[in-house]
Amino acid sequence: MWKNRVRLSPGEALEFKSKHEKGNLGQEEVELYSVVDSEGKVIGSVRYIDHMSIKAPFHRSLHLIQIDSMGKALVDERWNL
């Protein structure tokens, strides 16, 4: 599961913000999350991208980006399924 790759300190949580599709066939799904601390203050963001090729053999690639409040990338990982 991709959420295991996100770096969260104790008391921090992911808060779902939005989801949208890109591409003329909706082959890319983008989910946006905020990282909030125990007081509910936004301290970062996460973008998760799930892309499926529209040509056989229909490969899937995933991309996870976690940014802190200063704009520094804490996680920037890509992998294939």
PDB file of N, CA and C in Angstrom:
ATOM      1  N   MET A   1       0.843  -1.181   0.000  1.00  0.00           N
ATOM      2  CA  MET A   1       0.000   0.000   0.000  1.00  0.00           C
ATOM      3  C   MET A   1       0.889   1.245   0.000  1.00  0.00           C
ATOM      4  N   TRP A   2       0.536   2.224  -0.798  1.00  0.00           N
ATOM      5  CA  TRP A   2       1.383   3.408  -0.957  1.00  0.00           C
ATOM      6  C   TRP A   2       1.462   4.261   0.300  1.00  0.00           C
ATOM      7  N   LYS A   3       0.450   4.227   1.161  1.00  0.00           N
ATOM      8  CA  LYS A   3       0.465   5.070   2.362  1.00  0.00           C
ATOM      9  C   LYS A   3       1.560   4.650   3.333  1.00  0.00           C
ATOM     10  N   ASN A   4       2.056   3.425   3.206  1.00  0.00           N
ATOM     11  CA  ASN A   4       3.167   2.973   4.052  1.00  0.00           C
ATOM     12  C   ASN A   4       4.464   3.680   3.688  1.00  0.00           C
ATOM     13  N   ARG A   5       4.526   4.287   2.529  1.00  0.00           N
ATOM     14  CA  ARG A   5       5.739   4.965   2.079  1.00  0.00           C
ATOM     15  C   ARG A   5       5.808   6.425   2.555  1.00  0.00           C
ATOM     16  N   VAL A   6       4.711   6.959   3.057  1.00  0.00           N
ATOM     17  CA  VAL A   6       4.661   8.349   3.530  1.00  0.00           C
ATOM     18  C   VAL A   6       5.327   8.428   4.898  1.00  0.00           C
ATOM     19  N   ARG A   7       6.109   9.481   5.119  1.00  0.00           N
ATOM     20  CA  ARG A   7       6.785   9.688   6.402  1.00  0.00           C
ATOM     21  C   ARG A   7       5.905  10.561   7.298  1.00  0.00           C
ATOM     22  N   LEU A   8       5.342   9.941   8.329  1.00  0.00           N
ATOM     23  CA  LEU A   8       4.516  10.659   9.293  1.00  0.00           C
ATOM     24  C   LEU A   8       5.089  10.474  10.687  1.00  0.00           C
ATOM     25  N   SER A   9       5.175  11.554  11.426  1.00  0.00           N
ATOM     26  CA  SER A   9       5.600  11.490  12.820  1.00  0.00           C
ATOM     27  C   SER A   9       4.393  11.148  13.675  1.00  0.00           C
ATOM     28  N   PRO A  10       4.608  10.699  14.921  1.00  0.00           N
ATOM     29  CA  PRO A  10       3.471  10.420  15.799  1.00  0.00           C
ATOM     30  C   PRO A  10       2.558  11.644  15.931  1.00  0.00           C
ATOM     31  N   GLY A  11       1.277  11.435  15.795  1.00  0.00           N
ATOM     32  CA  GLY A  11       0.298  12.522  15.889  1.00  0.00           C
ATOM     33  C   GLY A  11      -0.054  13.146  14.557  1.00  0.00           C
ATOM     34  N   GLU A  12       0.704  12.842  13.514  1.00  0.00           N
ATOM     35  CA  GLU A  12       0.407  13.378  12.181  1.00  0.00           C
ATOM     36  C   GLU A  12      -0.498  12.422  11.423  1.00  0.00           C
ATOM     37  N   ALA A  13      -1.273  12.974  10.497  1.00  0.00           N
ATOM     38  CA  ALA A  13      -2.211  12.162   9.721  1.00  0.00           C
ATOM     39  C   ALA A  13      -2.388  12.753   8.334  1.00  0.00           C
ATOM     40  N   LEU A  14      -2.878  11.920   7.425  1.00  0.00           N
ATOM     41  CA  LEU A  14      -3.213  12.364   6.075  1.00  0.00           C
ATOM     42  C   LEU A  14      -4.681  12.772   6.050  1.00  0.00           C
ATOM     43  N   GLU A  15      -4.947  13.879   5.381  1.00  0.00           N
ATOM     44  CA  GLU A  15      -6.324  14.368   5.224  1.00  0.00           C
ATOM     45  C   GLU A  15      -6.595  14.502   3.728  1.00  0.00           C
ATOM     46  N   PHE A  16      -7.559  13.723   3.234  1.00  0.00           N
ATOM     47  CA  PHE A  16      -7.890  13.729   1.809  1.00  0.00           C
ATOM     48  C   PHE A  16      -8.395  15.104   1.387  1.00  0.00           C
ATOM     49  N   LYS A  17      -7.902  15.609   0.248  1.00  0.00           N
ATOM     50  CA  LYS A  17      -8.326  16.905  -0.280  1.00  0.00           C
ATOM     51  C   LYS A  17      -9.124  16.756  -1.571  1.00  0.00           C
ATOM     52  N   SER A  18      -8.556  16.071  -2.566  1.00  0.00           N
ATOM     53  CA  SER A  18      -9.258  15.961  -3.842  1.00  0.00           C
ATOM     54  C   SER A  18      -8.686  14.831  -4.684  1.00  0.00           C
ATOM     55  N   LYS A  19      -9.448  14.490  -5.718  1.00  0.00           N
ATOM     56  CA  LYS A  19      -9.030  13.465  -6.669  1.00  0.00           C
ATOM     57  C   LYS A  19      -9.525  13.900  -8.035  1.00  0.00           C
ATOM     58  N   HIS A  20      -8.654  13.789  -9.045  1.00  0.00           N
ATOM     59  CA  HIS A  20      -9.082  14.109 -10.406  1.00  0.00           C
ATOM     60  C   HIS A  20      -8.355  13.210 -11.389  1.00  0.00           C
ATOM     61  N   GLU A  21      -8.905  13.145 -12.588  1.00  0.00           N
ATOM     62  CA  GLU A  21      -8.323  12.330 -13.649  1.00  0.00           C
ATOM     63  C   GLU A  21      -7.726  13.227 -14.709  1.00  0.00           C
ATOM     64  N   LYS A  22      -6.647  12.728 -15.322  1.00  0.00           N
ATOM     65  CA  LYS A  22      -5.989  13.446 -16.408  1.00  0.00           C
ATOM     66  C   LYS A  22      -5.912  12.518 -17.614  1.00  0.00           C
ATOM     67  N   GLY A  23      -5.750  13.089 -18.761  1.00  0.00           N
ATOM     68  CA  GLY A  23      -5.645  12.305 -19.989  1.00  0.00           C
ATOM     69  C   GLY A  23      -6.992  12.176 -20.658  1.00  0.00           C
ATOM     70  N   ASN A  24      -6.974  12.006 -21.961  1.00  0.00           N
ATOM     71  CA  ASN A  24      -8.231  11.950 -22.701  1.00  0.00           C
ATOM     72  C   ASN A  24      -9.042  10.699 -22.385  1.00  0.00           C
ATOM     73  N   LEU A  25      -8.414   9.657 -21.853  1.00  0.00           N
ATOM     74  CA  LEU A  25      -9.126   8.444 -21.468  1.00  0.00           C
ATOM     75  C   LEU A  25      -9.104   8.239 -19.950  1.00  0.00           C
ATOM     76  N   GLY A  26      -8.733   9.255 -19.232  1.00  0.00           N
ATOM     77  CA  GLY A  26      -8.669   9.164 -17.778  1.00  0.00           C
ATOM     78  C   GLY A  26      -7.626   8.175 -17.299  1.00  0.00           C
ATOM     79  N   GLN A  27      -6.533   8.063 -18.037  1.00  0.00           N
ATOM     80  CA  GLN A  27      -5.522   7.069 -17.707  1.00  0.00           C
ATOM     81  C   GLN A  27      -4.646   7.454 -16.524  1.00  0.00           C
ATOM     82  N   GLU A  28      -4.809   8.647 -15.993  1.00  0.00           N
ATOM     83  CA  GLU A  28      -4.004   9.070 -14.853  1.00  0.00           C
ATOM     84  C   GLU A  28      -4.924   9.619 -13.775  1.00  0.00           C
ATOM     85  N   GLU A  29      -4.845   9.023 -12.581  1.00  0.00           N
ATOM     86  CA  GLU A  29      -5.604   9.496 -11.429  1.00  0.00           C
ATOM     87  C   GLU A  29      -4.645  10.187 -10.462  1.00  0.00           C
ATOM     88  N   VAL A  30      -5.016  11.375 -10.030  1.00  0.00           N
ATOM     89  CA  VAL A  30      -4.180  12.153  -9.118  1.00  0.00           C
ATOM     90  C   VAL A  30      -4.973  12.392  -7.832  1.00  0.00           C
ATOM     91  N   GLU A  31      -4.398  11.976  -6.707  1.00  0.00           N
ATOM     92  CA  GLU A  31      -5.015  12.199  -5.401  1.00  0.00           C
ATOM     93  C   GLU A  31      -4.138  13.172  -4.614  1.00  0.00           C
ATOM     94  N   LEU A  32      -4.781  14.159  -3.998  1.00  0.00           N
ATOM     95  CA  LEU A  32      -4.065  15.159  -3.202  1.00  0.00           C
ATOM     96  C   LEU A  32      -4.484  15.049  -1.740  1.00  0.00           C
ATOM     97  N   TYR A  33      -3.491  15.099  -0.850  1.00  0.00           N
ATOM     98  CA  TYR A  33      -3.720  15.010   0.588  1.00  0.00           C
ATOM     99  C   TYR A  33      -2.947  16.122   1.285  1.00  0.00           C
ATOM    100  N   SER A  34      -3.451  16.528   2.453  1.00  0.00           N
ATOM    101  CA  SER A  34      -2.700  17.410   3.344  1.00  0.00           C
ATOM    102  C   SER A  34      -2.158  16.554   4.477  1.00  0.00           C
ATOM    103  N   VAL A  35      -0.971  16.900   4.963  1.00  0.00           N
ATOM    104  CA  VAL A  35      -0.424  16.278   6.165  1.00  0.00           C
ATOM    105  C   VAL A  35      -0.737  17.244   7.296  1.00  0.00           C
ATOM    106  N   VAL A  36      -1.467  16.755   8.312  1.00  0.00           N
ATOM    107  CA  VAL A  36      -1.852  17.618   9.437  1.00  0.00           C
ATOM    108  C   VAL A  36      -1.246  17.086  10.726  1.00  0.00           C
ATOM    109  N   ASP A  37      -0.946  18.013  11.633  1.00  0.00           N
ATOM    110  CA  ASP A  37      -0.419  17.600  12.932  1.00  0.00           C
ATOM    111  C   ASP A  37      -1.581  17.300  13.880  1.00  0.00           C
ATOM    112  N   SER A  38      -1.269  17.013  15.131  1.00  0.00           N
ATOM    113  CA  SER A  38      -2.298  16.631  16.099  1.00  0.00           C
ATOM    114  C   SER A  38      -3.285  17.753  16.397  1.00  0.00           C
ATOM    115  N   GLU A  39      -2.930  18.996  16.081  1.00  0.00           N
ATOM    116  CA  GLU A  39      -3.823  20.139  16.298  1.00  0.00           C
ATOM    117  C   GLU A  39      -4.623  20.483  15.049  1.00  0.00           C
ATOM    118  N   GLY A  40      -4.406  19.736  13.953  1.00  0.00           N
ATOM    119  CA  GLY A  40      -5.130  19.989  12.716  1.00  0.00           C
ATOM    120  C   GLY A  40      -4.469  21.012  11.807  1.00  0.00           C
ATOM    121  N   LYS A  41      -3.283  21.451  12.162  1.00  0.00           N
ATOM    122  CA  LYS A  41      -2.545  22.425  11.348  1.00  0.00           C
ATOM    123  C   LYS A  41      -1.887  21.711  10.170  1.00  0.00           C
ATOM    124  N   VAL A  42      -2.012  22.280   8.975  1.00  0.00           N
ATOM    125  CA  VAL A  42      -1.414  21.697   7.778  1.00  0.00           C
ATOM    126  C   VAL A  42       0.092  21.929   7.813  1.00  0.00           C
ATOM    127  N   ILE A  43       0.839  20.826   7.743  1.00  0.00           N
ATOM    128  CA  ILE A  43       2.302  20.913   7.819  1.00  0.00           C
ATOM    129  C   ILE A  43       2.977  20.325   6.584  1.00  0.00           C
ATOM    130  N   GLY A  44       2.190  19.957   5.581  1.00  0.00           N
ATOM    131  CA  GLY A  44       2.766  19.401   4.366  1.00  0.00           C
ATOM    132  C   GLY A  44       1.683  18.907   3.429  1.00  0.00           C
ATOM    133  N   SER A  45       2.118  18.293   2.344  1.00  0.00           N
ATOM    134  CA  SER A  45       1.165  17.779   1.360  1.00  0.00           C
ATOM    135  C   SER A  45       1.704  16.504   0.728  1.00  0.00           C
ATOM    136  N   VAL A  46       0.783  15.731   0.156  1.00  0.00           N
ATOM    137  CA  VAL A  46       1.129  14.498  -0.533  1.00  0.00           C
ATOM    138  C   VAL A  46       0.365  14.460  -1.844  1.00  0.00           C
ATOM    139  N   ARG A  47       1.058  14.091  -2.905  1.00  0.00           N
ATOM    140  CA  ARG A  47       0.424  13.876  -4.213  1.00  0.00           C
ATOM    141  C   ARG A  47       0.733  12.449  -4.623  1.00  0.00           C
ATOM    142  N   TYR A  48      -0.328  11.696  -4.941  1.00  0.00           N
ATOM    143  CA  TYR A  48      -0.197  10.305  -5.365  1.00  0.00           C
ATOM    144  C   TYR A  48      -0.760  10.191  -6.777  1.00  0.00           C
ATOM    145  N   ILE A  49       0.056   9.696  -7.707  1.00  0.00           N
ATOM    146  CA  ILE A  49      -0.333   9.616  -9.117  1.00  0.00           C
ATOM    147  C   ILE A  49      -0.291   8.157  -9.554  1.00  0.00           C
ATOM    148  N   ASP A  50      -1.411   7.686 -10.099  1.00  0.00           N
ATOM    149  CA  ASP A  50      -1.542   6.316 -10.604  1.00  0.00           C
ATOM    150  C   ASP A  50      -1.803   6.419 -12.102  1.00  0.00           C
ATOM    151  N   HIS A  51      -0.818   6.008 -12.899  1.00  0.00           N
ATOM    152  CA  HIS A  51      -0.912   6.135 -14.352  1.00  0.00           C
ATOM    153  C   HIS A  51      -0.982   4.752 -14.991  1.00  0.00           C
ATOM    154  N   MET A  52      -1.959   4.567 -15.881  1.00  0.00           N
ATOM    155  CA  MET A  52      -2.061   3.317 -16.621  1.00  0.00           C
ATOM    156  C   MET A  52      -1.901   3.606 -18.106  1.00  0.00           C
ATOM    157  N   SER A  53      -1.005   2.840 -18.739  1.00  0.00           N
ATOM    158  CA  SER A  53      -0.785   2.988 -20.173  1.00  0.00           C
ATOM    159  C   SER A  53      -2.056   2.606 -20.930  1.00  0.00           C
ATOM    160  N   ILE A  54      -2.348   3.340 -21.991  1.00  0.00           N
ATOM    161  CA  ILE A  54      -3.541   3.030 -22.787  1.00  0.00           C
ATOM    162  C   ILE A  54      -3.226   2.050 -23.916  1.00  0.00           C
ATOM    163  N   LYS A  55      -1.995   1.595 -23.972  1.00  0.00           N
ATOM    164  CA  LYS A  55      -1.581   0.613 -24.977  1.00  0.00           C
ATOM    165  C   LYS A  55      -1.171  -0.688 -24.290  1.00  0.00           C
ATOM    166  N   ALA A  56      -1.482  -1.797 -24.942  1.00  0.00           N
ATOM    167  CA  ALA A  56      -1.111  -3.109 -24.398  1.00  0.00           C
ATOM    168  C   ALA A  56       0.398  -3.155 -24.199  1.00  0.00           C
ATOM    169  N   PRO A  57       0.856  -3.717 -23.137  1.00  0.00           N
ATOM    170  CA  PRO A  57       0.195  -4.563 -22.144  1.00  0.00           C
ATOM    171  C   PRO A  57      -0.347  -3.800 -20.928  1.00  0.00           C
ATOM    172  N   PHE A  58      -0.664  -2.537 -21.064  1.00  0.00           N
ATOM    173  CA  PHE A  58      -1.339  -1.734 -20.039  1.00  0.00           C
ATOM    174  C   PHE A  58      -0.572  -1.679 -18.716  1.00  0.00           C
ATOM    175  N   HIS A  59       0.665  -1.251 -18.782  1.00  0.00           N
ATOM    176  CA  HIS A  59       1.502  -1.115 -17.583  1.00  0.00           C
ATOM    177  C   HIS A  59       0.957  -0.010 -16.681  1.00  0.00           C
ATOM    178  N   ARG A  60       1.169  -0.178 -15.378  1.00  0.00           N
ATOM    179  CA  ARG A  60       0.810   0.846 -14.395  1.00  0.00           C
ATOM    180  C   ARG A  60       2.080   1.373 -13.753  1.00  0.00           C
ATOM    181  N   SER A  61       2.150   2.689 -13.597  1.00  0.00           N
ATOM    182  CA  SER A  61       3.251   3.302 -12.866  1.00  0.00           C
ATOM    183  C   SER A  61       2.669   4.210 -11.796  1.00  0.00           C
ATOM    184  N   LEU A  62       3.312   4.236 -10.643  1.00  0.00           N
ATOM    185  CA  LEU A  62       2.840   5.004  -9.496  1.00  0.00           C
ATOM    186  C   LEU A  62       3.920   6.000  -9.095  1.00  0.00           C
ATOM    187  N   HIS A  63       3.495   7.153  -8.620  1.00  0.00           N
ATOM    188  CA  HIS A  63       4.434   8.206  -8.215  1.00  0.00           C
ATOM    189  C   HIS A  63       3.889   8.847  -6.943  1.00  0.00           C
ATOM    190  N   LEU A  64       4.712   8.921  -5.925  1.00  0.00           N
ATOM    191  CA  LEU A  64       4.342   9.500  -4.641  1.00  0.00           C
ATOM    192  C   LEU A  64       5.302  10.637  -4.321  1.00  0.00           C
ATOM    193  N   ILE A  65       4.745  11.796  -4.008  1.00  0.00           N
ATOM    194  CA  ILE A  65       5.549  12.960  -3.645  1.00  0.00           C
ATOM    195  C   ILE A  65       5.003  13.522  -2.338  1.00  0.00           C
ATOM    196  N   GLN A  66       5.867  13.630  -1.331  1.00  0.00           N
ATOM    197  CA  GLN A  66       5.493  14.251  -0.061  1.00  0.00           C
ATOM    198  C   GLN A  66       6.352  15.488   0.121  1.00  0.00           C
ATOM    199  N   ILE A  67       5.710  16.624   0.363  1.00  0.00           N
ATOM    200  CA  ILE A  67       6.378  17.919   0.516  1.00  0.00           C
ATOM    201  C   ILE A  67       6.099  18.447   1.918  1.00  0.00           C
ATOM    202  N   ASP A  68       7.129  18.964   2.596  1.00  0.00           N
ATOM    203  CA  ASP A  68       6.900  19.569   3.907  1.00  0.00           C
ATOM    204  C   ASP A  68       6.455  21.020   3.755  1.00  0.00           C
ATOM    205  N   SER A  69       6.224  21.703   4.856  1.00  0.00           N
ATOM    206  CA  SER A  69       5.713  23.077   4.816  1.00  0.00           C
ATOM    207  C   SER A  69       6.709  24.075   4.240  1.00  0.00           C
ATOM    208  N   MET A  70       7.980  23.692   4.174  1.00  0.00           N
ATOM    209  CA  MET A  70       9.006  24.570   3.613  1.00  0.00           C
ATOM    210  C   MET A  70       9.238  24.306   2.126  1.00  0.00           C
ATOM    211  N   GLY A  71       8.502  23.345   1.552  1.00  0.00           N
ATOM    212  CA  GLY A  71       8.645  23.036   0.137  1.00  0.00           C
ATOM    213  C   GLY A  71       9.693  21.988  -0.173  1.00  0.00           C
ATOM    214  N   LYS A  72      10.249  21.362   0.859  1.00  0.00           N
ATOM    215  CA  LYS A  72      11.274  20.334   0.676  1.00  0.00           C
ATOM    216  C   LYS A  72      10.605  18.977   0.447  1.00  0.00           C
ATOM    217  N   ALA A  73      11.100  18.242  -0.545  1.00  0.00           N
ATOM    218  CA  ALA A  73      10.562  16.909  -0.826  1.00  0.00           C
ATOM    219  C   ALA A  73      11.093  15.916   0.203  1.00  0.00           C
ATOM    220  N   LEU A  74      10.190  15.318   0.968  1.00  0.00           N
ATOM    221  CA  LEU A  74      10.571  14.297   1.944  1.00  0.00           C
ATOM    222  C   LEU A  74      10.562  12.917   1.313  1.00  0.00           C
ATOM    223  N   VAL A  75       9.628  12.695   0.396  1.00  0.00           N
ATOM    224  CA  VAL A  75       9.505  11.430  -0.327  1.00  0.00           C
ATOM    225  C   VAL A  75       9.239  11.763  -1.783  1.00  0.00           C
ATOM    226  N   ASP A  76       9.967  11.122  -2.663  1.00  0.00           N
ATOM    227  CA  ASP A  76       9.733  11.244  -4.111  1.00  0.00           C
ATOM    228  C   ASP A  76      10.083   9.891  -4.719  1.00  0.00           C
ATOM    229  N   GLU A  77       9.089   9.010  -4.774  1.00  0.00           N
ATOM    230  CA  GLU A  77       9.313   7.644  -5.214  1.00  0.00           C
ATOM    231  C   GLU A  77       8.429   7.291  -6.402  1.00  0.00           C
ATOM    232  N   ARG A  78       8.990   6.481  -7.301  1.00  0.00           N
ATOM    233  CA  ARG A  78       8.246   5.937  -8.445  1.00  0.00           C
ATOM    234  C   ARG A  78       8.440   4.432  -8.447  1.00  0.00           C
ATOM    235  N   TRP A  79       7.384   3.703  -8.793  1.00  0.00           N
ATOM    236  CA  TRP A  79       7.476   2.255  -8.938  1.00  0.00           C
ATOM    237  C   TRP A  79       6.412   1.779  -9.917  1.00  0.00           C
ATOM    238  N   ASN A  80       6.600   0.569 -10.405  1.00  0.00           N
ATOM    239  CA  ASN A  80       5.693  -0.015 -11.392  1.00  0.00           C
ATOM    240  C   ASN A  80       4.984  -1.228 -10.803  1.00  0.00           C
ATOM    241  N   LEU A  81       3.798  -1.477 -11.295  1.00  0.00           N
ATOM    242  CA  LEU A  81       3.053  -2.679 -10.910  1.00  0.00           C
ATOM    243  C   LEU A  81       2.972  -3.623 -12.079  1.00  0.00           C
TER     244      LEU A  81
END
